[in-house]
């Protein structure tokens, strides 16, 4: 699995900093996961196996989506959601935290990104 992650990171270096999972309560990026896999961390191995068939869902997906939006966009950028609303990163995070329709759409956007590029 670590070879696959390293190949992906060589092909798409910007993915190195995308939050992908939680290990022992800490959000980890693909780069972090690769490093932990190289150290043969059993929790990282479990997470890597799960990501191959079962991406994060529910509360974990919400926490990862928040980190994704926070880490990948500068604060002053506007995110266009549901075809009519523009939000700053902090406004988007608040929508996710509140569980609004807009927040759920932002979580789904993160999940689509993960399915498209990480598998």
PDB file of N, CA and C in Angstrom:
ATOM      1  N   UNK A   1       0.814  -1.201   0.000  1.00  0.00           N
ATOM      2  CA  UNK A   1       0.000   0.000   0.000  1.00  0.00           C
ATOM      3  C   UNK A   1       0.856   1.262   0.000  1.00  0.00           C
ATOM      4  N   UNK A   2       1.968   1.258   0.735  1.00  0.00           N
ATOM      5  CA  UNK A   2       2.814   2.453   0.798  1.00  0.00           C
ATOM      6  C   UNK A   2       3.386   2.769  -0.584  1.00  0.00           C
ATOM      7  N   UNK A   3       3.684   1.744  -1.375  1.00  0.00           N
ATOM      8  CA  UNK A   3       4.206   1.979  -2.733  1.00  0.00           C
ATOM      9  C   UNK A   3       3.149   2.701  -3.570  1.00  0.00           C
ATOM     10  N   UNK A   4       1.896   2.256  -3.447  1.00  0.00           N
ATOM     11  CA  UNK A   4       0.811   2.894  -4.194  1.00  0.00           C
ATOM     12  C   UNK A   4       0.649   4.361  -3.778  1.00  0.00           C
ATOM     13  N   UNK A   5       0.727   4.622  -2.486  1.00  0.00           N
ATOM     14  CA  UNK A   5       0.595   6.002  -1.999  1.00  0.00           C
ATOM     15  C   UNK A   5       1.758   6.851  -2.497  1.00  0.00           C
ATOM     16  N   UNK A   6       2.981   6.323  -2.416  1.00  0.00           N
ATOM     17  CA  UNK A   6       4.155   7.084  -2.887  1.00  0.00           C
ATOM     18  C   UNK A   6       4.048   7.375  -4.385  1.00  0.00           C
ATOM     19  N   UNK A   7       3.576   6.415  -5.173  1.00  0.00           N
ATOM     20  CA  UNK A   7       3.400   6.638  -6.615  1.00  0.00           C
ATOM     21  C   UNK A   7       2.367   7.744  -6.858  1.00  0.00           C
ATOM     22  N   UNK A   8       1.274   7.681  -6.121  1.00  0.00           N
ATOM     23  CA  UNK A   8       0.237   8.699  -6.248  1.00  0.00           C
ATOM     24  C   UNK A   8       0.798  10.077  -5.901  1.00  0.00           C
ATOM     25  N   UNK A   9       1.600  10.155  -4.845  1.00  0.00           N
ATOM     26  CA  UNK A   9       2.168  11.434  -4.433  1.00  0.00           C
ATOM     27  C   UNK A   9       3.202  11.942  -5.442  1.00  0.00           C
ATOM     28  N   UNK A  10       3.904  11.041  -6.107  1.00  0.00           N
ATOM     29  CA  UNK A  10       4.826  11.477  -7.168  1.00  0.00           C
ATOM     30  C   UNK A  10       4.048  12.047  -8.354  1.00  0.00           C
ATOM     31  N   UNK A  11       2.932  11.389  -8.696  1.00  0.00           N
ATOM     32  CA  UNK A  11       2.114  11.840  -9.816  1.00  0.00           C
ATOM     33  C   UNK A  11       1.362  13.137  -9.492  1.00  0.00           C
ATOM     34  N   UNK A  12       0.923  13.252  -8.244  1.00  0.00           N
ATOM     35  CA  UNK A  12       0.106  14.398  -7.823  1.00  0.00           C
ATOM     36  C   UNK A  12       0.613  14.909  -6.474  1.00  0.00           C
ATOM     37  N   UNK A  13       1.725  15.639  -6.470  1.00  0.00           N
ATOM     38  CA  UNK A  13       2.329  16.091  -5.213  1.00  0.00           C
ATOM     39  C   UNK A  13       1.399  16.919  -4.328  1.00  0.00           C
ATOM     40  N   UNK A  14       0.448  17.605  -4.928  1.00  0.00           N
ATOM     41  CA  UNK A  14      -0.447  18.438  -4.122  1.00  0.00           C
ATOM     42  C   UNK A  14      -1.344  17.601  -3.201  1.00  0.00           C
ATOM     43  N   UNK A  15      -1.496  16.322  -3.476  1.00  0.00           N
ATOM     44  CA  UNK A  15      -2.321  15.462  -2.633  1.00  0.00           C
ATOM     45  C   UNK A  15      -1.640  15.115  -1.307  1.00  0.00           C
ATOM     46  N   UNK A  16      -0.361  15.401  -1.186  1.00  0.00           N
ATOM     47  CA  UNK A  16       0.389  15.048   0.025  1.00  0.00           C
ATOM     48  C   UNK A  16      -0.212  15.660   1.279  1.00  0.00           C
ATOM     49  N   UNK A  17      -0.863  16.786   1.140  1.00  0.00           N
ATOM     50  CA  UNK A  17      -1.348  17.515   2.314  1.00  0.00           C
ATOM     51  C   UNK A  17      -2.854  17.440   2.496  1.00  0.00           C
ATOM     52  N   UNK A  18      -3.506  16.566   1.743  1.00  0.00           N
ATOM     53  CA  UNK A  18      -4.948  16.400   1.854  1.00  0.00           C
ATOM     54  C   UNK A  18      -5.257  15.506   3.054  1.00  0.00           C
ATOM     55  N   UNK A  19      -6.080  15.975   3.982  1.00  0.00           N
ATOM     56  CA  UNK A  19      -6.476  15.127   5.121  1.00  0.00           C
ATOM     57  C   UNK A  19      -7.232  13.908   4.605  1.00  0.00           C
ATOM     58  N   UNK A  20      -6.813  12.727   5.024  1.00  0.00           N
ATOM     59  CA  UNK A  20      -7.389  11.507   4.475  1.00  0.00           C
ATOM     60  C   UNK A  20      -8.003  10.590   5.522  1.00  0.00           C
ATOM     61  N   UNK A  21      -7.552  10.687   6.768  1.00  0.00           N
ATOM     62  CA  UNK A  21      -8.062   9.777   7.805  1.00  0.00           C
ATOM     63  C   UNK A  21      -7.718  10.321   9.181  1.00  0.00           C
ATOM     64  N   UNK A  22      -8.210   9.624  10.182  1.00  0.00           N
ATOM     65  CA  UNK A  22      -7.837   9.908  11.564  1.00  0.00           C
ATOM     66  C   UNK A  22      -7.148   8.674  12.128  1.00  0.00           C
ATOM     67  N   UNK A  23      -6.040   8.891  12.786  1.00  0.00           N
ATOM     68  CA  UNK A  23      -5.324   7.811  13.461  1.00  0.00           C
ATOM     69  C   UNK A  23      -5.085   8.259  14.889  1.00  0.00           C
ATOM     70  N   UNK A  24      -5.631   7.486  15.802  1.00  0.00           N
ATOM     71  CA  UNK A  24      -5.538   7.805  17.234  1.00  0.00           C
ATOM     72  C   UNK A  24      -5.992   9.237  17.526  1.00  0.00           C
ATOM     73  N   UNK A  25      -7.106   9.643  16.874  1.00  0.00           N
ATOM     74  CA  UNK A  25      -7.685  10.955  17.125  1.00  0.00           C
ATOM     75  C   UNK A  25      -7.001  12.116  16.431  1.00  0.00           C
ATOM     76  N   UNK A  26      -6.004  11.841  15.611  1.00  0.00           N
ATOM     77  CA  UNK A  26      -5.257  12.894  14.906  1.00  0.00           C
ATOM     78  C   UNK A  26      -5.527  12.795  13.404  1.00  0.00           C
ATOM     79  N   UNK A  27      -5.835  13.922  12.794  1.00  0.00           N
ATOM     80  CA  UNK A  27      -6.036  13.953  11.343  1.00  0.00           C
ATOM     81  C   UNK A  27      -4.688  13.750  10.667  1.00  0.00           C
ATOM     82  N   UNK A  28      -4.655  12.819   9.705  1.00  0.00           N
ATOM     83  CA  UNK A  28      -3.415  12.560   8.977  1.00  0.00           C
ATOM     84  C   UNK A  28      -3.635  12.785   7.484  1.00  0.00           C
ATOM     85  N   UNK A  29      -2.582  13.222   6.833  1.00  0.00           N
ATOM     86  CA  UNK A  29      -2.582  13.436   5.391  1.00  0.00           C
ATOM     87  C   UNK A  29      -2.062  12.170   4.717  1.00  0.00           C
ATOM     88  N   UNK A  30      -2.095  12.157   3.401  1.00  0.00           N
ATOM     89  CA  UNK A  30      -1.516  11.019   2.673  1.00  0.00           C
ATOM     90  C   UNK A  30      -0.027  10.868   2.982  1.00  0.00           C
ATOM     91  N   UNK A  31       0.680  11.981   3.077  1.00  0.00           N
ATOM     92  CA  UNK A  31       2.107  11.932   3.403  1.00  0.00           C
ATOM     93  C   UNK A  31       2.310  11.329   4.793  1.00  0.00           C
ATOM     94  N   UNK A  32       1.508  11.757   5.764  1.00  0.00           N
ATOM     95  CA  UNK A  32       1.589  11.194   7.118  1.00  0.00           C
ATOM     96  C   UNK A  32       1.313   9.691   7.094  1.00  0.00           C
ATOM     97  N   UNK A  33       0.282   9.303   6.359  1.00  0.00           N
ATOM     98  CA  UNK A  33      -0.084   7.894   6.285  1.00  0.00           C
ATOM     99  C   UNK A  33       1.047   7.065   5.686  1.00  0.00           C
ATOM    100  N   UNK A  34       1.654   7.566   4.616  1.00  0.00           N
ATOM    101  CA  UNK A  34       2.777   6.850   4.010  1.00  0.00           C
ATOM    102  C   UNK A  34       3.922   6.682   5.008  1.00  0.00           C
ATOM    103  N   UNK A  35       4.225   7.738   5.736  1.00  0.00           N
ATOM    104  CA  UNK A  35       5.306   7.690   6.727  1.00  0.00           C
ATOM    105  C   UNK A  35       5.003   6.648   7.812  1.00  0.00           C
ATOM    106  N   UNK A  36       3.761   6.646   8.299  1.00  0.00           N
ATOM    107  CA  UNK A  36       3.367   5.690   9.336  1.00  0.00           C
ATOM    108  C   UNK A  36       3.379   4.257   8.802  1.00  0.00           C
ATOM    109  N   UNK A  37       2.988   4.080   7.552  1.00  0.00           N
ATOM    110  CA  UNK A  37       3.033   2.749   6.958  1.00  0.00           C
ATOM    111  C   UNK A  37       4.478   2.255   6.835  1.00  0.00           C
ATOM    112  N   UNK A  38       5.383   3.155   6.490  1.00  0.00           N
ATOM    113  CA  UNK A  38       6.800   2.776   6.408  1.00  0.00           C
ATOM    114  C   UNK A  38       7.335   2.348   7.773  1.00  0.00           C
ATOM    115  N   UNK A  39       6.759   2.899   8.839  1.00  0.00           N
ATOM    116  CA  UNK A  39       7.147   2.514  10.205  1.00  0.00           C
ATOM    117  C   UNK A  39       6.374   1.288  10.694  1.00  0.00           C
ATOM    118  N   UNK A  40       5.535   0.746   9.822  1.00  0.00           N
ATOM    119  CA  UNK A  40       4.707  -0.438  10.123  1.00  0.00           C
ATOM    120  C   UNK A  40       3.758  -0.216  11.302  1.00  0.00           C
ATOM    121  N   UNK A  41       3.209   0.972  11.366  1.00  0.00           N
ATOM    122  CA  UNK A  41       2.236   1.299  12.403  1.00  0.00           C
ATOM    123  C   UNK A  41       0.959   0.489  12.147  1.00  0.00           C
ATOM    124  N   UNK A  42       0.542  -0.346  13.118  1.00  0.00           N
ATOM    125  CA  UNK A  42      -0.626  -1.201  12.890  1.00  0.00           C
ATOM    126  C   UNK A  42      -1.921  -0.424  12.652  1.00  0.00           C
ATOM    127  N   UNK A  43      -2.098   0.701  13.327  1.00  0.00           N
ATOM    128  CA  UNK A  43      -3.301   1.507  13.120  1.00  0.00           C
ATOM    129  C   UNK A  43      -3.294   2.105  11.710  1.00  0.00           C
ATOM    130  N   UNK A  44      -2.137   2.545  11.238  1.00  0.00           N
ATOM    131  CA  UNK A  44      -2.027   3.075   9.869  1.00  0.00           C
ATOM    132  C   UNK A  44      -2.332   1.982   8.848  1.00  0.00           C
ATOM    133  N   UNK A  45      -1.874   0.771   9.108  1.00  0.00           N
ATOM    134  CA  UNK A  45      -2.160  -0.340   8.193  1.00  0.00           C
ATOM    135  C   UNK A  45      -3.654  -0.629   8.138  1.00  0.00           C
ATOM    136  N   UNK A  46      -4.325  -0.578   9.298  1.00  0.00           N
ATOM    137  CA  UNK A  46      -5.771  -0.794   9.338  1.00  0.00           C
ATOM    138  C   UNK A  46      -6.489   0.301   8.550  1.00  0.00           C
ATOM    139  N   UNK A  47      -6.073   1.533   8.759  1.00  0.00           N
ATOM    140  CA  UNK A  47      -6.695   2.663   8.058  1.00  0.00           C
ATOM    141  C   UNK A  47      -6.455   2.550   6.551  1.00  0.00           C
ATOM    142  N   UNK A  48      -5.253   2.205   6.149  1.00  0.00           N
ATOM    143  CA  UNK A  48      -4.936   2.084   4.722  1.00  0.00           C
ATOM    144  C   UNK A  48      -5.790   0.996   4.069  1.00  0.00           C
ATOM    145  N   UNK A  49      -5.952  -0.132   4.745  1.00  0.00           N
ATOM    146  CA  UNK A  49      -6.808  -1.198   4.200  1.00  0.00           C
ATOM    147  C   UNK A  49      -8.241  -0.713   4.069  1.00  0.00           C
ATOM    148  N   UNK A  50      -8.726  -0.011   5.080  1.00  0.00           N
ATOM    149  CA  UNK A  50     -10.097   0.486   5.054  1.00  0.00           C
ATOM    150  C   UNK A  50     -10.307   1.490   3.922  1.00  0.00           C
ATOM    151  N   UNK A  51      -9.336   2.358   3.699  1.00  0.00           N
ATOM    152  CA  UNK A  51      -9.477   3.376   2.656  1.00  0.00           C
ATOM    153  C   UNK A  51      -9.598   2.759   1.271  1.00  0.00           C
ATOM    154  N   UNK A  52      -9.034   1.588   1.099  1.00  0.00           N
ATOM    155  CA  UNK A  52      -9.114   0.925  -0.198  1.00  0.00           C
ATOM    156  C   UNK A  52     -10.525   0.539  -0.581  1.00  0.00           C
ATOM    157  N   UNK A  53     -11.386   0.303   0.409  1.00  0.00           N
ATOM    158  CA  UNK A  53     -12.739  -0.154   0.097  1.00  0.00           C
ATOM    159  C   UNK A  53     -13.829   0.641   0.808  1.00  0.00           C
ATOM    160  N   UNK A  54     -13.470   1.346   1.858  1.00  0.00           N
ATOM    161  CA  UNK A  54     -14.477   1.976   2.707  1.00  0.00           C
ATOM    162  C   UNK A  54     -14.018   3.359   3.150  1.00  0.00           C
ATOM    163  N   UNK A  55     -14.251   4.405   2.336  1.00  0.00           N
ATOM    164  CA  UNK A  55     -13.795   5.742   2.710  1.00  0.00           C
ATOM    165  C   UNK A  55     -14.484   6.246   3.987  1.00  0.00           C
ATOM    166  N   UNK A  56     -13.919   7.250   4.629  1.00  0.00           N
ATOM    167  CA  UNK A  56     -14.509   7.791   5.860  1.00  0.00           C
ATOM    168  C   UNK A  56     -15.957   8.219   5.653  1.00  0.00           C
ATOM    169  N   UNK A  57     -16.755   8.050   6.708  1.00  0.00           N
ATOM    170  CA  UNK A  57     -18.164   8.435   6.651  1.00  0.00           C
ATOM    171  C   UNK A  57     -18.549   9.125   7.941  1.00  0.00           C
ATOM    172  N   UNK A  58     -19.742   9.701   7.948  1.00  0.00           N
ATOM    173  CA  UNK A  58     -20.318  10.266   9.159  1.00  0.00           C
ATOM    174  C   UNK A  58     -19.478  11.371   9.769  1.00  0.00           C
ATOM    175  N   UNK A  59     -19.330  11.299  11.081  1.00  0.00           N
ATOM    176  CA  UNK A  59     -18.619  12.344  11.823  1.00  0.00           C
ATOM    177  C   UNK A  59     -17.155  12.447  11.395  1.00  0.00           C
ATOM    178  N   UNK A  60     -16.521  11.312  11.125  1.00  0.00           N
ATOM    179  CA  UNK A  60     -15.125  11.357  10.677  1.00  0.00           C
ATOM    180  C   UNK A  60     -15.019  12.097   9.344  1.00  0.00           C
ATOM    181  N   UNK A  61     -15.936  11.827   8.433  1.00  0.00           N
ATOM    182  CA  UNK A  61     -15.925  12.524   7.133  1.00  0.00           C
ATOM    183  C   UNK A  61     -16.106  14.028   7.335  1.00  0.00           C
ATOM    184  N   UNK A  62     -16.965  14.427   8.276  1.00  0.00           N
ATOM    185  CA  UNK A  62     -17.163  15.864   8.548  1.00  0.00           C
ATOM    186  C   UNK A  62     -15.876  16.495   9.076  1.00  0.00           C
ATOM    187  N   UNK A  63     -15.223  15.833  10.034  1.00  0.00           N
ATOM    188  CA  UNK A  63     -13.972  16.392  10.580  1.00  0.00           C
ATOM    189  C   UNK A  63     -12.898  16.488   9.499  1.00  0.00           C
ATOM    190  N   UNK A  64     -12.803  15.468   8.657  1.00  0.00           N
ATOM    191  CA  UNK A  64     -11.811  15.499   7.577  1.00  0.00           C
ATOM    192  C   UNK A  64     -12.149  16.559   6.539  1.00  0.00           C
ATOM    193  N   UNK A  65     -13.426  16.734   6.240  1.00  0.00           N
ATOM    194  CA  UNK A  65     -13.834  17.774   5.288  1.00  0.00           C
ATOM    195  C   UNK A  65     -13.466  19.157   5.811  1.00  0.00           C
ATOM    196  N   UNK A  66     -13.666  19.376   7.102  1.00  0.00           N
ATOM    197  CA  UNK A  66     -13.292  20.661   7.704  1.00  0.00           C
ATOM    198  C   UNK A  66     -11.799  20.899   7.526  1.00  0.00           C
ATOM    199  N   UNK A  67     -11.000  19.898   7.826  1.00  0.00           N
ATOM    200  CA  UNK A  67      -9.545  20.044   7.663  1.00  0.00           C
ATOM    201  C   UNK A  67      -9.163  20.226   6.201  1.00  0.00           C
ATOM    202  N   UNK A  68      -9.849  19.510   5.311  1.00  0.00           N
ATOM    203  CA  UNK A  68      -9.592  19.636   3.879  1.00  0.00           C
ATOM    204  C   UNK A  68      -9.802  21.078   3.428  1.00  0.00           C
ATOM    205  N   UNK A  69     -10.957  21.655   3.743  1.00  0.00           N
ATOM    206  CA  UNK A  69     -11.246  23.024   3.309  1.00  0.00           C
ATOM    207  C   UNK A  69     -10.302  24.017   3.989  1.00  0.00           C
ATOM    208  N   UNK A  70      -9.988  23.777   5.237  1.00  0.00           N
ATOM    209  CA  UNK A  70      -9.101  24.684   5.975  1.00  0.00           C
ATOM    210  C   UNK A  70      -7.682  24.653   5.394  1.00  0.00           C
ATOM    211  N   UNK A  71      -7.181  23.481   5.041  1.00  0.00           N
ATOM    212  CA  UNK A  71      -5.789  23.334   4.597  1.00  0.00           C
ATOM    213  C   UNK A  71      -5.580  23.609   3.118  1.00  0.00           C
ATOM    214  N   UNK A  72      -6.604  23.443   2.306  1.00  0.00           N
ATOM    215  CA  UNK A  72      -6.377  23.533   0.863  1.00  0.00           C
ATOM    216  C   UNK A  72      -6.707  24.885   0.246  1.00  0.00           C
ATOM    217  N   UNK A  73      -7.412  25.737   0.972  1.00  0.00           N
ATOM    218  CA  UNK A  73      -7.777  27.039   0.404  1.00  0.00           C
ATOM    219  C   UNK A  73      -7.343  28.174   1.317  1.00  0.00           C
ATOM    220  N   UNK A  74      -6.875  29.269   0.739  1.00  0.00           N
ATOM    221  CA  UNK A  74      -6.565  30.446   1.557  1.00  0.00           C
ATOM    222  C   UNK A  74      -7.854  31.016   2.149  1.00  0.00           C
ATOM    223  N   UNK A  75      -7.767  31.691   3.286  1.00  0.00           N
ATOM    224  CA  UNK A  75      -8.967  32.192   3.987  1.00  0.00           C
ATOM    225  C   UNK A  75      -9.834  33.143   3.172  1.00  0.00           C
ATOM    226  N   UNK A  76      -9.252  33.907   2.260  1.00  0.00           N
ATOM    227  CA  UNK A  76     -10.042  34.916   1.543  1.00  0.00           C
ATOM    228  C   UNK A  76     -10.713  34.382   0.277  1.00  0.00           C
ATOM    229  N   UNK A  77     -10.503  33.120  -0.055  1.00  0.00           N
ATOM    230  CA  UNK A  77     -11.126  32.528  -1.241  1.00  0.00           C
ATOM    231  C   UNK A  77     -12.585  32.214  -0.958  1.00  0.00           C
ATOM    232  N   UNK A  78     -13.414  32.425  -1.949  1.00  0.00           N
ATOM    233  CA  UNK A  78     -14.838  32.101  -1.825  1.00  0.00           C
ATOM    234  C   UNK A  78     -15.091  30.725  -2.451  1.00  0.00           C
ATOM    235  N   UNK A  79     -15.918  29.935  -1.780  1.00  0.00           N
ATOM    236  CA  UNK A  79     -16.332  28.619  -2.267  1.00  0.00           C
ATOM    237  C   UNK A  79     -17.771  28.765  -2.754  1.00  0.00           C
ATOM    238  N   UNK A  80     -18.036  28.334  -3.986  1.00  0.00           N
ATOM    239  CA  UNK A  80     -19.386  28.421  -4.543  1.00  0.00           C
ATOM    240  C   UNK A  80     -20.096  27.096  -4.279  1.00  0.00           C
ATOM    241  N   UNK A  81     -21.226  27.185  -3.616  1.00  0.00           N
ATOM    242  CA  UNK A  81     -21.948  25.992  -3.186  1.00  0.00           C
ATOM    243  C   UNK A  81     -23.389  26.040  -3.675  1.00  0.00           C
ATOM    244  N   UNK A  82     -23.895  24.893  -4.086  1.00  0.00           N
ATOM    245  CA  UNK A  82     -25.291  24.745  -4.508  1.00  0.00           C
ATOM    246  C   UNK A  82     -25.703  25.763  -5.565  1.00  0.00           C
ATOM    247  N   UNK A  83     -24.771  26.142  -6.403  1.00  0.00           N
ATOM    248  CA  UNK A  83     -25.069  26.990  -7.530  1.00  0.00           C
ATOM    249  C   UNK A  83     -25.444  28.428  -7.245  1.00  0.00           C
ATOM    250  N   UNK A  84     -25.537  28.824  -5.956  1.00  0.00           N
ATOM    251  CA  UNK A  84     -25.985  30.194  -5.722  1.00  0.00           C
ATOM    252  C   UNK A  84     -25.305  30.873  -4.540  1.00  0.00           C
ATOM    253  N   UNK A  85     -24.615  30.155  -3.699  1.00  0.00           N
ATOM    254  CA  UNK A  85     -24.075  30.729  -2.477  1.00  0.00           C
ATOM    255  C   UNK A  85     -22.550  30.719  -2.522  1.00  0.00           C
ATOM    256  N   UNK A  86     -21.933  31.821  -2.106  1.00  0.00           N
ATOM    257  CA  UNK A  86     -20.473  31.911  -2.008  1.00  0.00           C
ATOM    258  C   UNK A  86     -20.101  32.089  -0.542  1.00  0.00           C
ATOM    259  N   UNK A  87     -19.165  31.268  -0.082  1.00  0.00           N
ATOM    260  CA  UNK A  87     -18.764  31.297   1.323  1.00  0.00           C
ATOM    261  C   UNK A  87     -17.257  31.414   1.446  1.00  0.00           C
ATOM    262  N   UNK A  88     -16.808  32.083   2.507  1.00  0.00           N
ATOM    263  CA  UNK A  88     -15.382  32.025   2.838  1.00  0.00           C
ATOM    264  C   UNK A  88     -15.120  30.644   3.439  1.00  0.00           C
ATOM    265  N   UNK A  89     -13.863  30.313   3.610  1.00  0.00           N
ATOM    266  CA  UNK A  89     -13.507  29.023   4.205  1.00  0.00           C
ATOM    267  C   UNK A  89     -14.114  28.909   5.606  1.00  0.00           C
ATOM    268  N   UNK A  90     -13.998  29.947   6.408  1.00  0.00           N
ATOM    269  CA  UNK A  90     -14.542  29.886   7.772  1.00  0.00           C
ATOM    270  C   UNK A  90     -16.067  29.746   7.770  1.00  0.00           C
ATOM    271  N   UNK A  91     -16.743  30.425   6.842  1.00  0.00           N
ATOM    272  CA  UNK A  91     -18.196  30.271   6.737  1.00  0.00           C
ATOM    273  C   UNK A  91     -18.555  28.842   6.327  1.00  0.00           C
ATOM    274  N   UNK A  92     -17.767  28.285   5.419  1.00  0.00           N
ATOM    275  CA  UNK A  92     -17.995  26.906   4.977  1.00  0.00           C
ATOM    276  C   UNK A  92     -17.824  25.939   6.146  1.00  0.00           C
ATOM    277  N   UNK A  93     -16.801  26.145   6.944  1.00  0.00           N
ATOM    278  CA  UNK A  93     -16.556  25.288   8.105  1.00  0.00           C
ATOM    279  C   UNK A  93     -17.729  25.373   9.086  1.00  0.00           C
ATOM    280  N   UNK A  94     -18.247  26.559   9.307  1.00  0.00           N
ATOM    281  CA  UNK A  94     -19.397  26.715  10.209  1.00  0.00           C
ATOM    282  C   UNK A  94     -20.614  25.972   9.667  1.00  0.00           C
ATOM    283  N   UNK A  95     -20.809  26.015   8.356  1.00  0.00           N
ATOM    284  CA  UNK A  95     -21.929  25.282   7.744  1.00  0.00           C
ATOM    285  C   UNK A  95     -21.773  23.777   7.976  1.00  0.00           C
ATOM    286  N   UNK A  96     -20.557  23.269   7.830  1.00  0.00           N
ATOM    287  CA  UNK A  96     -20.309  21.843   8.069  1.00  0.00           C
ATOM    288  C   UNK A  96     -20.572  21.504   9.529  1.00  0.00           C
ATOM    289  N   UNK A  97     -20.068  22.328  10.430  1.00  0.00           N
ATOM    290  CA  UNK A  97     -20.248  22.083  11.863  1.00  0.00           C
ATOM    291  C   UNK A  97     -21.723  22.085  12.257  1.00  0.00           C
ATOM    292  N   UNK A  98     -22.500  22.952  11.636  1.00  0.00           N
ATOM    293  CA  UNK A  98     -23.935  23.033  11.941  1.00  0.00           C
ATOM    294  C   UNK A  98     -24.739  21.915  11.282  1.00  0.00           C
ATOM    295  N   UNK A  99     -24.140  21.249  10.287  1.00  0.00           N
ATOM    296  CA  UNK A  99     -24.849  20.172   9.597  1.00  0.00           C
ATOM    297  C   UNK A  99     -25.940  20.659   8.667  1.00  0.00           C
ATOM    298  N   UNK A 100     -25.774  21.867   8.135  1.00  0.00           N
ATOM    299  CA  UNK A 100     -26.773  22.417   7.212  1.00  0.00           C
ATOM    300  C   UNK A 100     -26.696  21.709   5.862  1.00  0.00           C
ATOM    301  N   UNK A 101     -27.663  21.986   5.011  1.00  0.00           N
ATOM    302  CA  UNK A 101     -27.660  21.418   3.658  1.00  0.00           C
ATOM    303  C   UNK A 101     -26.378  21.819   2.914  1.00  0.00           C
ATOM    304  N   UNK A 102     -25.992  23.069   3.055  1.00  0.00           N
ATOM    305  CA  UNK A 102     -24.762  23.553   2.425  1.00  0.00           C
ATOM    306  C   UNK A 102     -23.553  22.823   3.005  1.00  0.00           C
ATOM    307  N   UNK A 103     -23.530  22.659   4.330  1.00  0.00           N
ATOM    308  CA  UNK A 103     -22.435  21.940   4.970  1.00  0.00           C
ATOM    309  C   UNK A 103     -22.339  20.511   4.489  1.00  0.00           C
ATOM    310  N   UNK A 104     -23.484  19.851   4.345  1.00  0.00           N
ATOM    311  CA  UNK A 104     -23.483  18.464   3.862  1.00  0.00           C
ATOM    312  C   UNK A 104     -22.983  18.391   2.417  1.00  0.00           C
ATOM    313  N   UNK A 105     -23.326  19.384   1.612  1.00  0.00           N
ATOM    314  CA  UNK A 105     -22.822  19.419   0.231  1.00  0.00           C
ATOM    315  C   UNK A 105     -21.305  19.572   0.217  1.00  0.00           C
ATOM    316  N   UNK A 106     -20.773  20.374   1.121  1.00  0.00           N
ATOM    317  CA  UNK A 106     -19.308  20.530   1.217  1.00  0.00           C
ATOM    318  C   UNK A 106     -18.642  19.232   1.649  1.00  0.00           C
ATOM    319  N   UNK A 107     -19.259  18.491   2.536  1.00  0.00           N
ATOM    320  CA  UNK A 107     -18.730  17.182   2.941  1.00  0.00           C
ATOM    321  C   UNK A 107     -18.771  16.228   1.747  1.00  0.00           C
ATOM    322  N   UNK A 108     -19.882  16.226   1.018  1.00  0.00           N
ATOM    323  CA  UNK A 108     -19.977  15.352  -0.168  1.00  0.00           C
ATOM    324  C   UNK A 108     -18.928  15.726  -1.217  1.00  0.00           C
ATOM    325  N   UNK A 109     -18.648  17.018  -1.367  1.00  0.00           N
ATOM    326  CA  UNK A 109     -17.615  17.446  -2.318  1.00  0.00           C
ATOM    327  C   UNK A 109     -16.249  16.882  -1.900  1.00  0.00           C
ATOM    328  N   UNK A 110     -15.953  16.930  -0.607  1.00  0.00           N
ATOM    329  CA  UNK A 110     -14.705  16.348  -0.103  1.00  0.00           C
ATOM    330  C   UNK A 110     -14.682  14.843  -0.379  1.00  0.00           C
ATOM    331  N   UNK A 111     -15.788  14.154  -0.108  1.00  0.00           N
ATOM    332  CA  UNK A 111     -15.850  12.707  -0.329  1.00  0.00           C
ATOM    333  C   UNK A 111     -15.652  12.358  -1.803  1.00  0.00           C
ATOM    334  N   UNK A 112     -16.242  13.153  -2.707  1.00  0.00           N
ATOM    335  CA  UNK A 112     -16.054  12.923  -4.146  1.00  0.00           C
ATOM    336  C   UNK A 112     -14.593  13.106  -4.532  1.00  0.00           C
ATOM    337  N   UNK A 113     -13.960  14.124  -3.972  1.00  0.00           N
ATOM    338  CA  UNK A 113     -12.541  14.370  -4.234  1.00  0.00           C
ATOM    339  C   UNK A 113     -11.712  13.166  -3.809  1.00  0.00           C
ATOM    340  N   UNK A 114     -11.967  12.663  -2.616  1.00  0.00           N
ATOM    341  CA  UNK A 114     -11.214  11.517  -2.110  1.00  0.00           C
ATOM    342  C   UNK A 114     -11.430  10.295  -2.999  1.00  0.00           C
ATOM    343  N   UNK A 115     -12.684  10.012  -3.345  1.00  0.00           N
ATOM    344  CA  UNK A 115     -12.958   8.848  -4.202  1.00  0.00           C
ATOM    345  C   UNK A 115     -12.275   8.980  -5.555  1.00  0.00           C
ATOM    346  N   UNK A 116     -12.253  10.177  -6.090  1.00  0.00           N
ATOM    347  CA  UNK A 116     -11.673  10.367  -7.425  1.00  0.00           C
ATOM    348  C   UNK A 116     -10.162  10.228  -7.446  1.00  0.00           C
ATOM    349  N   UNK A 117      -9.493  10.797  -6.472  1.00  0.00           N
ATOM    350  CA  UNK A 117      -8.027  10.865  -6.539  1.00  0.00           C
ATOM    351  C   UNK A 117      -7.288   9.871  -5.646  1.00  0.00           C
ATOM    352  N   UNK A 118      -7.907   9.378  -4.614  1.00  0.00           N
ATOM    353  CA  UNK A 118      -7.164   8.579  -3.652  1.00  0.00           C
ATOM    354  C   UNK A 118      -7.294   7.084  -3.922  1.00  0.00           C
ATOM    355  N   UNK A 119      -8.280   6.638  -4.592  1.00  0.00           N
ATOM    356  CA  UNK A 119      -8.454   5.196  -4.818  1.00  0.00           C
ATOM    357  C   UNK A 119      -7.532   4.673  -5.876  1.00  0.00           C
TER     358      UNK A 119
END
